């Protein structure tokens, strides 16, 4: 027989109309609750006060096998702690109400002891009512609320019980509504986080720094503790750890570095890295911590971190596990669900793609750098009476470029130099630049005069063009005659510094190679001790959206400042590097090649103005 239908003559007195009206008003207040705190305050405190209940407990499902208490009235601190969470298969009025989905009425202490002999008994005469919170969507119990009446025996009044059932139904509906609103807000926050994380991942090719930033962004909105571990030679190594409490960051790091996961042991990040499958631990129990601890210190640290719930997802790229992303809940008391795992997997997919792209970029950059290095001179020749310096700086992209340079010392100690730039980018451009450099070196042995060399290069381009178009500057230094000869073929003008003044050599210019056989006039000028000439490619002076005249002026001012006020013992390579830092495009859209020629020693005189 249903407990509500029993009548042993000890029925509680019929409740007054004001009490029923008050309970009805409480049910109405539940419908307007806007937070879980509002709901729990109404269902435990206010309802208990109206009904005269000495104790009340509101518990909800925590996963599939446990209940979690979210509100109490009249319990001691130790009782609240004892019943914070408990297994659903434990014999209690709350668990029975959830499992059965039926209201449970216990009319006396004797009936309580008979049905639940394992529960603590304080000796007080009492009765109780426990009602399941039934979801109107699934028909399943999502929790239960129980009321205890000290000093009262017998079943409640039928009308009062009816109002209590309405109250529990309203509680269930309001709880589901608030959960839906929380889930909607959480999903919006997750989407915002994914957008921010994607922007951070796309903004930099330094994936290590980016993943550290992602871990920090996850705390505290989505985790109290977030860690990123990367697979390195089959071993998981911690890359980043972020914790909501800065004082616990080192503890979190210690947990992963002092006691790294056993790659062959089931569970944890090692299992995720090994299988490529996500792992969800809805509730972290102390038994789990004890089982996983390597020693007492390990257990102490794990307990101090207060782990409550955790999930680990693989960082995947092309079906390869690159690492593991772990979210841990502690101080917040949140519980992760399968929906949270889906969110974490979404983030991990984006991070895995960013890691793979960054790795591919790094590999391609290394290949490009090696290729470019093989196509350029390995060392500058020894030139008595000269200081020579070169700098080549690749653009901030993965492709190689067509900038090239070469310096040759002839048997009579004259110095031949060429700096050029072929059209296009990529391997073809780099190979074309290498062919142009090699051709210029060979043809310079036949006639090193700049005009003649430039015309020979025109014939080479007409007969076997390595590229459609190329610019170049050809220079011949004759120390014996203190003479500099120069032919410029559509190339940025060389910068000459003499006697504390600087000027661009712009006279007698000619068009780029690739237009057939054209006039190649030669400019000649004195070049004496202490004079310096800069040959360079356009990446040094060009910036997007800016006139080249601005770049030329910037280079001239910086060169005068650095090169005419330099310490006599300064290394030309270092000074040239400083010059590049001062004038090159920070976005590095183009390659830069610079060759500097200093006759003798640095001039010991102050800098002059531009000329």
Protein backbone atom coordinates (compact mmCIF):
# COMPACT_ATOMS: atom_id res chain seq x y z
CA UNK A 1 0.00 0.00 0.00
CA UNK A 2 1.25 3.52 -0.82
CA UNK A 3 2.47 5.27 2.29
CA UNK A 4 0.25 8.26 1.55
CA UNK A 5 -2.84 6.10 1.76
CA UNK A 6 -2.12 4.68 5.24
CA UNK A 7 -4.32 5.69 8.11
CA UNK A 8 -3.34 4.37 11.53
CA UNK A 9 -5.19 6.94 13.55
CA UNK A 10 -2.12 9.16 14.04
CA UNK A 11 -2.69 11.38 11.01
CA UNK A 12 -1.30 14.87 11.34
CA UNK A 13 -3.93 17.55 11.90
CA UNK A 14 -5.36 19.07 8.73
CA UNK A 15 -3.40 22.14 7.75
CA UNK A 16 -5.04 25.48 7.78
CA UNK A 17 -6.03 27.34 4.70
CA UNK A 18 -3.38 30.08 5.33
CA UNK A 19 -0.62 27.47 5.30
CA UNK A 20 -1.84 26.01 2.01
CA UNK A 21 -2.11 29.50 0.56
CA UNK A 22 1.44 30.25 1.68
CA UNK A 23 2.73 27.06 0.04
CA UNK A 24 0.89 27.99 -3.14
CA UNK A 25 2.57 31.41 -3.10
CA UNK A 26 5.95 29.71 -2.63
CA UNK A 27 5.25 27.56 -5.70
CA UNK A 28 4.56 30.77 -7.60
CA UNK A 29 7.83 32.29 -6.40
CA UNK A 30 9.69 29.25 -7.74
CA UNK A 31 8.43 29.98 -11.23
CA UNK A 32 10.00 33.44 -11.06
CA UNK A 33 13.37 32.35 -9.68
CA UNK A 34 16.23 33.72 -11.78
CA UNK A 35 19.14 31.90 -10.15
CA UNK A 36 19.78 28.57 -8.46
CA UNK A 37 20.35 30.48 -5.22
CA UNK A 38 16.83 31.90 -5.51
CA UNK A 39 15.43 28.44 -6.09
CA UNK A 40 17.27 26.76 -3.22
CA UNK A 41 16.35 29.54 -0.80
CA UNK A 42 12.67 29.21 -1.68
CA UNK A 43 12.48 25.42 -1.62
CA UNK A 44 14.41 24.87 1.63
CA UNK A 45 14.21 27.94 3.83
CA UNK A 46 10.82 29.45 3.00
CA UNK A 47 8.98 26.19 2.45
CA UNK A 48 10.40 24.75 5.68
CA UNK A 49 9.32 27.84 7.59
CA UNK A 50 5.76 27.70 6.26
CA UNK A 51 5.43 23.95 6.83
CA UNK A 52 7.14 23.91 10.17
CA UNK A 53 9.84 21.53 8.92
CA UNK A 54 12.85 21.19 11.18
CA UNK A 55 15.11 20.01 8.37
CA UNK A 56 15.14 20.09 4.57
CA UNK A 57 17.53 18.73 1.95
CA UNK A 58 17.56 19.42 -1.81
CA UNK A 59 19.75 17.06 -3.86
CA UNK A 60 20.23 16.69 -7.60
CA UNK A 61 21.77 14.07 -9.84
CA UNK A 62 25.53 14.40 -10.20
CA UNK A 63 26.24 12.18 -13.17
CA UNK A 64 24.39 8.91 -13.41
CA UNK A 65 25.37 7.23 -10.14
CA UNK A 66 25.51 9.99 -7.52
CA UNK A 67 23.46 12.73 -5.90
CA UNK A 68 24.83 16.09 -4.91
CA UNK A 69 23.27 18.23 -2.17
CA UNK A 70 22.76 21.81 -3.31
CA UNK A 71 20.76 23.22 -0.37
CA UNK A 72 19.93 22.33 3.24
CA UNK A 73 17.98 23.67 6.18
CA UNK A 74 18.55 22.67 9.81
CA UNK A 75 21.60 20.42 9.24
CA UNK A 76 24.82 20.78 11.17
CA UNK A 77 28.07 21.62 9.39
CA UNK A 78 29.31 18.05 9.75
CA UNK A 79 26.05 16.68 8.34
CA UNK A 80 26.25 19.06 5.37
CA UNK A 81 29.77 17.84 4.68
CA UNK A 82 28.78 14.20 5.14
CA UNK A 83 25.94 14.44 2.64
CA UNK A 84 27.62 16.78 0.14
CA UNK A 85 27.66 13.92 -2.38
CA UNK A 86 26.55 10.31 -2.02
CA UNK A 87 25.99 7.26 -4.18
CA UNK A 88 22.60 6.70 -5.70
CA UNK A 89 22.60 3.05 -4.66
CA UNK A 90 22.85 4.04 -0.99
CA UNK A 91 19.63 3.34 0.95
CA UNK A 92 18.15 6.74 1.92
CA UNK A 93 14.77 8.44 1.43
CA UNK A 94 16.29 10.81 -1.15
CA UNK A 95 17.88 8.05 -3.25
CA UNK A 96 14.73 5.90 -3.05
CA UNK A 97 12.60 8.81 -4.23
CA UNK A 98 14.94 9.43 -7.17
CA UNK A 99 15.16 5.76 -8.17
CA UNK A 100 11.43 5.09 -7.86
CA UNK A 101 10.13 8.46 -8.99
CA UNK A 102 7.51 8.31 -6.21
CA UNK A 103 6.75 10.38 -3.14
CA UNK A 104 7.97 8.72 0.06
CA UNK A 105 6.17 9.36 3.35
CA UNK A 106 7.60 8.05 6.63
CA UNK A 107 5.13 8.52 9.47
CA UNK A 108 7.33 7.80 12.51
CA UNK A 109 10.81 7.19 13.87
CA UNK A 110 10.01 3.48 14.13
CA UNK A 111 9.17 3.29 10.43
CA UNK A 112 12.37 5.21 9.60
CA UNK A 113 14.52 2.76 11.62
CA UNK A 114 12.77 -0.24 10.14
CA UNK A 115 13.31 0.91 6.58
CA UNK A 116 16.74 2.54 6.95
CA UNK A 117 18.54 0.87 9.87
CA UNK A 118 21.96 2.06 8.63
CA UNK A 119 21.12 5.76 8.86
CA UNK A 120 22.15 7.77 11.91
CA UNK A 121 19.40 8.04 14.54
CA UNK A 122 19.28 10.98 16.94
CA UNK A 123 16.42 9.49 18.98
CA UNK A 124 13.86 12.19 18.14
CA UNK A 125 10.31 11.26 17.20
CA UNK A 126 9.66 12.47 13.70
CA UNK A 127 7.99 12.05 10.34
CA UNK A 128 9.17 13.00 6.85
CA UNK A 129 8.10 13.60 3.28
CA UNK A 130 10.48 13.12 0.35
CA UNK A 131 9.39 14.10 -3.16
CA UNK A 132 11.13 13.35 -6.45
CA UNK A 133 11.87 16.18 -8.86
CA UNK A 134 10.45 14.83 -12.11
CA UNK A 135 11.58 16.23 -15.45
CA UNK A 136 8.52 17.14 -17.55
CA UNK A 137 10.59 16.36 -20.65
CA UNK A 138 11.93 12.86 -19.90
CA UNK A 139 9.77 11.77 -16.98
CA UNK A 140 12.90 10.84 -15.03
CA UNK A 141 13.81 12.15 -11.59
CA UNK A 142 16.54 14.80 -11.72
CA UNK A 143 16.75 15.02 -7.94
CA UNK A 144 14.66 15.02 -4.79
CA UNK A 145 13.66 17.28 -1.92
CA UNK A 146 13.03 15.98 1.61
CA UNK A 147 11.39 17.57 4.65
CA UNK A 148 11.64 16.30 8.25
CA UNK A 149 9.15 17.22 10.97
CA UNK A 150 10.47 16.72 14.51
CA UNK A 151 7.79 15.87 17.10
CA UNK A 152 5.14 15.11 14.49
CA UNK A 153 3.93 11.68 13.45
CA UNK A 154 1.52 10.38 10.90
CA UNK A 155 1.10 11.23 7.22
CA UNK A 156 0.59 14.83 6.10
CA UNK A 157 -2.79 16.25 5.22
CA UNK A 158 -3.88 15.22 1.71
CA UNK A 159 -4.24 18.81 0.57
CA UNK A 160 -0.85 19.72 2.01
CA UNK A 161 0.74 16.75 0.26
CA UNK A 162 -0.90 17.81 -2.99
CA UNK A 163 0.59 21.31 -2.67
CA UNK A 164 4.00 19.80 -1.86
CA UNK A 165 3.83 17.75 -5.04
CA UNK A 166 3.02 20.89 -7.01
CA UNK A 167 5.93 22.54 -5.23
CA UNK A 168 8.32 19.74 -6.24
CA UNK A 169 7.06 19.83 -9.83
CA UNK A 170 7.61 23.59 -9.97
CA UNK A 171 11.06 23.09 -8.47
CA UNK A 172 11.95 20.54 -11.17
CA UNK A 173 10.67 22.76 -13.98
CA UNK A 174 12.44 25.84 -12.64
CA UNK A 175 15.65 23.90 -12.14
CA UNK A 176 15.57 22.64 -15.72
CA UNK A 177 14.82 26.16 -16.98
CA UNK A 178 17.73 27.62 -15.01
CA UNK A 179 20.00 24.83 -16.22
CA UNK A 180 18.98 25.52 -19.81
CA UNK A 181 19.71 29.22 -19.32
CA UNK A 182 23.07 28.39 -17.71
CA UNK A 183 23.90 25.99 -20.52
CA UNK A 184 22.96 28.61 -23.09
CA UNK A 185 25.15 31.21 -21.37
CA UNK A 186 27.94 28.64 -21.01
CA UNK A 187 27.69 27.75 -24.69
CA UNK A 188 27.83 31.43 -25.63
CA UNK A 189 30.91 31.80 -23.43
CA UNK A 190 32.43 28.71 -25.03
CA UNK A 191 31.83 30.08 -28.52
CA UNK A 192 33.34 33.41 -27.53
CA UNK A 193 36.30 31.58 -26.03
CA UNK A 194 36.74 29.47 -29.18
CA UNK A 195 36.68 32.63 -31.28
CA UNK A 196 39.30 34.30 -29.05
CA UNK A 197 41.41 31.14 -29.00
CA UNK A 198 41.19 30.77 -32.78
CA UNK A 199 42.30 34.37 -33.21
CA UNK A 200 45.23 33.79 -30.86
CA UNK A 201 46.16 30.54 -32.63
CA UNK A 202 46.03 32.21 -36.03
CA UNK A 203 47.92 35.32 -34.93
CA UNK A 204 51.23 33.60 -34.27
CA UNK A 205 53.23 30.72 -35.65
CA UNK A 206 54.89 30.25 -32.27
CA UNK A 207 52.43 27.58 -31.20
CA UNK A 208 54.15 27.03 -27.85
CA UNK A 209 53.53 30.60 -26.74
CA UNK A 210 50.04 30.52 -28.23
CA UNK A 211 49.08 27.35 -26.34
CA UNK A 212 50.31 28.93 -23.11
CA UNK A 213 47.97 31.82 -23.87
CA UNK A 214 45.07 29.44 -24.59
CA UNK A 215 45.64 27.69 -21.25
CA UNK A 216 45.55 31.05 -19.48
CA UNK A 217 42.38 32.08 -21.33
CA UNK A 218 40.61 28.89 -20.19
CA UNK A 219 41.08 29.84 -16.53
CA UNK A 220 38.83 30.55 -14.66
CA UNK A 221 35.86 30.63 -17.06
CA UNK A 222 36.12 27.00 -18.17
CA UNK A 223 38.54 25.45 -15.72
CA UNK A 224 40.25 26.03 -12.41
CA UNK A 225 43.34 24.40 -13.82
CA UNK A 226 44.31 23.87 -17.46
CA UNK A 227 47.41 22.13 -18.74
CA UNK A 228 48.88 21.44 -22.17
CA UNK A 229 51.19 18.49 -22.68
CA UNK A 230 53.00 17.70 -25.93
CA UNK A 231 54.22 14.32 -27.17
CA UNK A 232 58.00 14.44 -27.50
CA UNK A 233 59.70 11.23 -28.64
CA UNK A 234 56.80 9.23 -27.27
CA UNK A 235 56.88 11.00 -23.89
CA UNK A 236 54.31 13.52 -22.63
CA UNK A 237 56.04 16.73 -21.60
CA UNK A 238 54.23 19.64 -19.95
CA UNK A 239 54.23 22.78 -22.07
CA UNK A 240 51.89 25.03 -20.10
CA UNK A 241 49.99 25.07 -16.81
CA UNK A 242 47.51 27.75 -15.74
CA UNK A 243 45.67 27.79 -12.41
CA UNK A 244 42.99 30.07 -11.02
CA UNK A 245 45.09 30.40 -7.86
CA UNK A 246 48.58 31.65 -8.77
CA UNK A 247 49.92 30.07 -5.57
CA UNK A 248 48.90 26.64 -6.84
CA UNK A 249 50.49 26.89 -10.28
CA UNK A 250 53.70 25.32 -9.00
CA UNK A 251 51.73 22.55 -7.29
CA UNK A 252 49.97 21.82 -10.58
CA UNK A 253 53.29 21.79 -12.41
CA UNK A 254 54.81 19.52 -9.76
CA UNK A 255 51.98 17.05 -10.17
CA UNK A 256 52.79 16.65 -13.88
CA UNK A 257 56.56 17.07 -13.86
CA UNK A 258 57.60 15.29 -10.65
CA UNK A 259 55.22 12.42 -11.30
CA UNK A 260 54.89 12.21 -15.09
CA UNK A 261 52.12 9.90 -16.32
CA UNK A 262 53.09 6.30 -16.97
CA UNK A 263 52.55 5.84 -20.74
CA UNK A 264 51.43 2.23 -20.24
CA UNK A 265 49.12 2.83 -17.28
CA UNK A 266 45.37 3.06 -17.94
CA UNK A 267 43.69 6.39 -17.31
CA UNK A 268 44.86 9.98 -17.40
CA UNK A 269 46.58 11.99 -20.11
CA UNK A 270 48.84 9.07 -21.05
CA UNK A 271 45.82 7.00 -22.06
CA UNK A 272 44.48 9.89 -24.16
CA UNK A 273 47.87 10.29 -25.88
CA UNK A 274 48.07 6.55 -26.49
CA UNK A 275 44.53 6.00 -27.80
CA UNK A 276 43.60 9.39 -29.25
CA UNK A 277 40.29 9.13 -27.34
CA UNK A 278 38.99 11.76 -24.91
CA UNK A 279 38.63 10.93 -21.23
CA UNK A 280 35.95 12.34 -18.91
CA UNK A 281 36.05 11.92 -15.13
CA UNK A 282 32.80 13.49 -13.94
CA UNK A 283 33.71 13.14 -10.26
CA UNK A 284 37.24 12.73 -8.94
CA UNK A 285 37.02 10.67 -5.74
CA UNK A 286 39.63 10.32 -3.05
CA UNK A 287 39.80 6.62 -3.88
CA UNK A 288 40.95 7.58 -7.38
CA UNK A 289 43.66 9.84 -5.97
CA UNK A 290 44.90 7.09 -3.65
CA UNK A 291 44.96 4.54 -6.47
CA UNK A 292 46.89 6.90 -8.80
CA UNK A 293 49.40 8.21 -6.23
CA UNK A 294 53.01 7.06 -6.59
CA UNK A 295 53.88 7.97 -3.01
CA UNK A 296 52.62 9.92 0.00
CA UNK A 297 53.93 13.24 -1.32
CA UNK A 298 52.20 12.64 -4.63
CA UNK A 299 48.92 12.00 -2.81
CA UNK A 300 49.38 15.08 -0.62
CA UNK A 301 49.84 17.38 -3.63
CA UNK A 302 46.87 15.85 -5.45
CA UNK A 303 44.64 16.33 -2.42
CA UNK A 304 45.85 19.89 -1.87
CA UNK A 305 44.80 20.79 -5.39
CA UNK A 306 41.24 19.77 -4.51
CA UNK A 307 40.44 17.98 -7.77
CA UNK A 308 36.70 17.59 -8.33
CA UNK A 309 36.19 16.82 -12.02
CA UNK A 310 38.45 16.52 -15.05
CA UNK A 311 38.55 15.92 -18.78
CA UNK A 312 41.44 15.33 -21.17
CA UNK A 313 41.21 15.58 -24.95
CA UNK A 314 43.80 14.81 -27.63
CA UNK A 315 45.46 17.49 -29.75
CA UNK A 316 45.07 15.87 -33.18
CA UNK A 317 46.39 16.69 -36.64
CA UNK A 318 46.07 14.30 -39.58
CA UNK A 319 45.16 11.45 -37.21
CA UNK A 320 48.36 12.04 -35.22
CA UNK A 321 48.22 12.75 -31.49
CA UNK A 322 50.39 15.81 -30.94
CA UNK A 323 49.58 16.28 -27.28
CA UNK A 324 46.85 16.40 -24.63
CA UNK A 325 44.74 19.30 -23.37
CA UNK A 326 43.42 18.84 -19.82
CA UNK A 327 40.75 20.81 -17.96
CA UNK A 328 40.39 20.33 -14.20
CA UNK A 329 37.66 21.64 -11.90
CA UNK A 330 38.51 22.23 -8.26
CA UNK A 331 37.56 25.34 -6.28
CA UNK A 332 34.60 26.17 -8.52
CA UNK A 333 32.92 22.83 -7.84
CA UNK A 334 31.84 22.53 -11.48
CA UNK A 335 31.24 19.07 -12.96
CA UNK A 336 32.23 18.37 -16.52
CA UNK A 337 29.82 16.62 -18.85
CA UNK A 338 29.87 15.17 -22.34
CA UNK A 339 28.87 18.61 -23.64
CA UNK A 340 32.00 20.06 -22.05
CA UNK A 341 34.08 17.33 -23.69
CA UNK A 342 32.65 18.30 -27.08
CA UNK A 343 33.68 21.91 -26.43
CA UNK A 344 37.20 20.87 -25.37
CA UNK A 345 37.53 18.64 -28.45
CA UNK A 346 36.55 21.56 -30.65
CA UNK A 347 39.26 23.68 -29.07
CA UNK A 348 41.76 20.84 -29.34
CA UNK A 349 41.02 20.38 -33.06
CA UNK A 350 41.73 24.05 -33.70
CA UNK A 351 44.87 23.94 -31.59
CA UNK A 352 46.05 20.76 -33.31
CA UNK A 353 45.61 22.36 -36.73
CA UNK A 354 47.53 25.46 -35.56
CA UNK A 355 50.34 23.28 -34.20
CA UNK A 356 50.54 21.31 -37.43
CA UNK A 357 50.57 24.48 -39.52
CA UNK A 358 53.24 26.05 -37.32
CA UNK A 359 55.34 22.89 -37.53
CA UNK A 360 54.95 22.76 -41.31
CA UNK A 361 55.84 26.45 -41.50
CA UNK A 362 58.96 25.91 -39.39
CA UNK A 363 60.06 22.96 -41.51
CA UNK A 364 59.45 24.89 -44.73
CA UNK A 365 61.32 27.90 -43.35
CA UNK A 366 64.27 25.69 -42.48
CA UNK A 367 64.29 24.14 -45.94
CA UNK A 368 64.01 27.59 -47.52
CA UNK A 369 66.84 28.94 -45.41
CA UNK A 370 69.09 26.00 -46.28
CA UNK A 371 68.26 26.35 -49.97
CA UNK A 372 68.87 30.08 -49.92
CA UNK A 373 72.19 29.63 -48.13
CA UNK A 374 73.38 27.14 -50.73
CA UNK A 375 72.58 29.60 -53.52
CA UNK A 376 74.51 32.52 -51.97
CA UNK A 377 78.24 32.96 -51.37
CA UNK A 378 79.34 31.14 -48.25
CA UNK A 379 82.17 33.56 -47.34
CA UNK A 380 83.46 36.92 -48.43
CA UNK A 381 86.86 36.85 -50.16
CA UNK A 382 89.99 38.27 -48.54
CA UNK A 383 90.59 41.73 -50.00
CA UNK A 384 93.73 43.50 -48.73
CA UNK A 385 92.98 47.08 -47.67
CA UNK A 386 89.22 46.48 -47.51
CA UNK A 387 86.55 45.78 -44.95
CA UNK A 388 83.66 43.82 -46.46
CA UNK A 389 80.38 42.92 -44.80
CA UNK A 390 77.17 41.26 -45.98
CA UNK A 391 73.75 40.67 -44.48
CA UNK A 392 71.02 38.56 -46.00
CA UNK A 393 67.66 38.49 -44.23
CA UNK A 394 64.87 36.28 -45.49
CA UNK A 395 61.33 37.62 -45.61
CA UNK A 396 58.92 36.51 -42.91
CA UNK A 397 57.43 33.89 -45.22
CA UNK A 398 58.23 30.32 -46.09
CA UNK A 399 59.24 31.04 -49.70
CA UNK A 400 62.79 31.81 -50.73
CA UNK A 401 63.50 34.90 -52.78
CA UNK A 402 65.52 35.91 -55.80
CA UNK A 403 67.93 38.38 -54.14
CA UNK A 404 71.58 37.62 -54.87
CA UNK A 405 75.05 39.13 -54.48
CA UNK A 406 78.65 38.25 -55.25
CA UNK A 407 82.10 39.72 -54.62
CA UNK A 408 85.27 38.71 -56.48
CA UNK A 409 88.87 39.89 -56.01
CA UNK A 410 90.76 39.90 -59.32
CA UNK A 411 94.44 39.05 -59.74
CA UNK A 412 95.35 42.73 -59.93
CA UNK A 413 93.52 43.38 -56.59
CA UNK A 414 90.60 45.10 -58.20
CA UNK A 415 87.28 44.14 -56.60
CA UNK A 416 84.17 43.26 -58.62
CA UNK A 417 80.78 43.28 -56.91
CA UNK A 418 77.21 42.63 -58.04
CA UNK A 419 73.94 42.86 -56.14
CA UNK A 420 70.71 41.89 -57.90
CA UNK A 421 67.11 40.82 -57.59
CA UNK A 422 65.15 38.63 -59.99
CA UNK A 423 61.41 38.84 -60.51
CA UNK A 424 59.17 36.56 -58.45
CA UNK A 425 59.50 34.40 -55.38
CA UNK A 426 59.94 30.76 -54.55
CA UNK A 427 62.41 28.11 -55.58
CA UNK A 428 62.37 29.19 -59.24
CA UNK A 429 63.29 32.75 -58.27
CA UNK A 430 66.07 31.54 -55.96
CA UNK A 431 67.51 29.28 -58.65
CA UNK A 432 67.25 32.10 -61.20
CA UNK A 433 69.11 34.42 -58.83
CA UNK A 434 71.81 31.80 -58.36
CA UNK A 435 72.20 31.45 -62.13
CA UNK A 436 72.44 35.23 -62.53
CA UNK A 437 75.14 35.37 -59.84
CA UNK A 438 77.13 32.54 -61.41
CA UNK A 439 76.86 34.09 -64.87
CA UNK A 440 78.05 37.48 -63.58
CA UNK A 441 81.05 35.86 -61.88
CA UNK A 442 82.09 34.03 -65.07
CA UNK A 443 81.50 36.99 -67.37
CA UNK A 444 83.45 39.31 -65.02
CA UNK A 445 86.59 37.28 -65.76
CA UNK A 446 86.26 38.28 -69.43
CA UNK A 447 85.63 42.00 -68.85
CA UNK A 448 85.01 43.32 -65.31
CA UNK A 449 84.12 46.85 -66.42
CA UNK A 450 80.57 47.43 -65.08
CA UNK A 451 79.09 48.62 -68.38
CA UNK A 452 80.61 45.72 -70.30
CA UNK A 453 79.53 43.24 -67.63
CA UNK A 454 75.97 44.57 -67.68
CA UNK A 455 75.82 44.25 -71.49
CA UNK A 456 77.16 40.69 -71.25
CA UNK A 457 74.36 39.91 -68.81
CA UNK A 458 71.84 41.32 -71.31
CA UNK A 459 73.17 38.88 -73.93
CA UNK A 460 73.00 36.04 -71.41
CA UNK A 461 69.37 36.94 -70.66
CA UNK A 462 68.54 37.02 -74.37
CA UNK A 463 70.16 33.64 -75.08
CA UNK A 464 69.16 31.59 -72.02
CA UNK A 465 66.98 33.67 -69.69
CA UNK A 466 66.79 32.24 -66.15
CA UNK A 467 64.05 34.79 -65.41
CA UNK A 468 61.89 37.27 -67.29
CA UNK A 469 63.28 40.31 -65.55
CA UNK A 470 66.02 41.22 -63.07
CA UNK A 471 67.61 44.33 -61.63
CA UNK A 472 71.27 44.64 -60.65
CA UNK A 473 74.08 47.01 -59.70
CA UNK A 474 77.61 46.26 -60.97
CA UNK A 475 80.64 47.82 -59.29
CA UNK A 476 84.37 47.77 -59.93
CA UNK A 477 86.75 49.10 -57.27
CA UNK A 478 90.26 50.06 -58.41
CA UNK A 479 92.30 50.92 -55.32
CA UNK A 480 95.44 51.69 -57.30
CA UNK A 481 93.61 54.55 -59.03
CA UNK A 482 91.25 55.43 -56.12
CA UNK A 483 88.45 54.86 -58.61
CA UNK A 484 84.93 53.49 -58.38
CA UNK A 485 83.05 52.50 -61.53
CA UNK A 486 79.36 51.61 -61.45
CA UNK A 487 76.51 50.56 -63.75
CA UNK A 488 72.98 50.32 -62.40
CA UNK A 489 70.39 48.23 -64.28
CA UNK A 490 66.99 49.21 -62.90
CA UNK A 491 68.21 48.66 -59.33
CA UNK A 492 67.84 50.86 -56.20
CA UNK A 493 70.66 53.45 -56.23
CA UNK A 494 73.83 52.58 -54.25
CA UNK A 495 74.54 54.80 -51.24
CA UNK A 496 77.98 56.44 -51.12
CA UNK A 497 79.43 57.94 -47.92
CA UNK A 498 82.47 60.19 -48.32
CA UNK A 499 84.00 62.82 -46.03
CA UNK A 500 81.10 62.68 -43.60
CA UNK A 501 78.50 63.19 -46.33
CA UNK A 502 76.23 60.74 -48.12
CA UNK A 503 74.57 60.65 -51.51
CA UNK A 504 72.84 58.20 -53.80
CA UNK A 505 74.57 57.40 -57.06
CA UNK A 506 71.73 58.08 -59.49
CA UNK A 507 73.57 59.31 -62.57
CA UNK A 508 73.83 57.19 -65.71
CA UNK A 509 71.09 54.73 -64.72
CA UNK A 510 69.62 52.18 -67.14
CA UNK A 511 66.60 49.83 -67.26
CA UNK A 512 66.30 46.33 -65.85
CA UNK A 513 67.62 43.22 -67.58
CA UNK A 514 65.13 41.39 -69.78
CA UNK A 515 64.41 44.20 -72.25
CA UNK A 516 67.00 43.10 -74.80
CA UNK A 517 70.29 44.83 -75.58
CA UNK A 518 70.20 48.40 -74.23
CA UNK A 519 72.70 51.13 -73.44
CA UNK A 520 74.53 50.52 -70.17
CA UNK A 521 76.39 53.73 -69.24
CA UNK A 522 78.96 53.71 -66.46
CA UNK A 523 79.32 56.25 -63.67
CA UNK A 524 82.86 56.89 -62.36
CA UNK A 525 83.90 58.66 -59.20
CA UNK A 526 86.78 58.81 -56.72
CA UNK A 527 86.81 56.24 -53.93
CA UNK A 528 89.52 56.80 -51.32
CA UNK A 529 90.58 55.74 -47.82
CA UNK A 530 87.64 55.89 -45.38
CA UNK A 531 85.00 55.93 -48.13
CA UNK A 532 82.10 53.48 -47.86
CA UNK A 533 79.60 52.13 -50.41
CA UNK A 534 76.33 50.31 -49.68
CA UNK A 535 74.76 48.02 -52.27
CA UNK A 536 71.34 46.63 -51.34
CA UNK A 537 68.09 45.18 -52.66
CA UNK A 538 64.71 46.92 -52.56
CA UNK A 539 63.53 45.09 -49.41
CA UNK A 540 65.74 47.47 -47.42
CA UNK A 541 63.88 50.61 -48.45
CA UNK A 542 60.42 49.53 -49.58
CA UNK A 543 57.35 49.24 -47.36
CA UNK A 544 53.78 48.61 -48.38
CA UNK A 545 51.71 51.75 -48.71
CA UNK A 546 54.78 54.01 -48.50
CA UNK A 547 56.66 55.97 -51.17
CA UNK A 548 60.13 54.59 -51.89
CA UNK A 549 61.47 58.11 -51.46
CA UNK A 550 60.60 57.89 -47.76
CA UNK A 551 62.49 54.62 -47.47
CA UNK A 552 65.52 56.03 -49.26
CA UNK A 553 65.58 59.02 -46.95
CA UNK A 554 65.24 56.77 -43.90
CA UNK A 555 68.22 54.69 -45.04
CA UNK A 556 70.37 57.76 -45.78
CA UNK A 557 69.72 59.35 -42.38
CA UNK A 558 70.32 56.11 -40.50
CA UNK A 559 73.48 55.32 -42.48
CA UNK A 560 75.00 58.72 -41.80
CA UNK A 561 74.18 58.42 -38.12
CA UNK A 562 75.61 54.92 -37.74
CA UNK A 563 78.45 54.80 -40.24
CA UNK A 564 80.03 58.21 -39.87
CA UNK A 565 79.99 58.27 -36.07
CA UNK A 566 81.21 54.75 -35.52
CA UNK A 567 83.92 53.59 -33.16
CA UNK A 568 87.17 52.97 -35.13
CA UNK A 569 87.34 49.44 -33.70
CA UNK A 570 83.71 48.59 -34.57
CA UNK A 571 83.03 45.47 -36.59
CA UNK A 572 81.47 46.31 -39.96
CA UNK A 573 79.15 43.26 -39.84
CA UNK A 574 77.74 44.38 -36.49
CA UNK A 575 77.26 47.96 -37.66
CA UNK A 576 75.53 46.70 -40.80
CA UNK A 577 73.21 44.57 -38.68
CA UNK A 578 72.30 47.62 -36.60
CA UNK A 579 71.53 49.52 -39.79
CA UNK A 580 69.14 46.81 -40.95
CA UNK A 581 67.34 46.83 -37.62
CA UNK A 582 66.92 50.59 -37.89
CA UNK A 583 65.46 50.75 -41.40
CA UNK A 584 63.95 47.44 -42.52
CA UNK A 585 60.21 46.81 -42.66
CA UNK A 586 59.18 45.22 -39.34
CA UNK A 587 56.63 43.11 -41.24
CA UNK A 588 59.46 41.71 -43.39
CA UNK A 589 57.43 41.46 -46.59
CA UNK A 590 60.54 41.07 -48.76
CA UNK A 591 64.03 39.63 -48.60
CA UNK A 592 66.92 41.99 -47.93
CA UNK A 593 70.47 41.68 -49.18
CA UNK A 594 73.07 44.32 -48.26
CA UNK A 595 76.80 44.44 -49.08
CA UNK A 596 79.05 47.11 -47.57
CA UNK A 597 82.52 48.09 -48.82
CA UNK A 598 84.80 50.18 -46.59
CA UNK A 599 88.13 51.29 -48.01
CA UNK A 600 90.74 51.01 -45.25
CA UNK A 601 89.74 52.08 -41.76
CA UNK A 602 86.78 53.95 -40.35
CA UNK A 603 87.05 57.71 -40.90
CA UNK A 604 87.82 59.57 -37.68
CA UNK A 605 85.59 62.56 -38.23
CA UNK A 606 82.11 63.65 -37.17
CA UNK A 607 79.07 63.03 -39.31
CA UNK A 608 77.99 65.72 -41.73
CA UNK A 609 74.63 66.47 -43.32
CA UNK A 610 73.04 64.72 -46.25
CA UNK A 611 74.33 65.70 -49.64
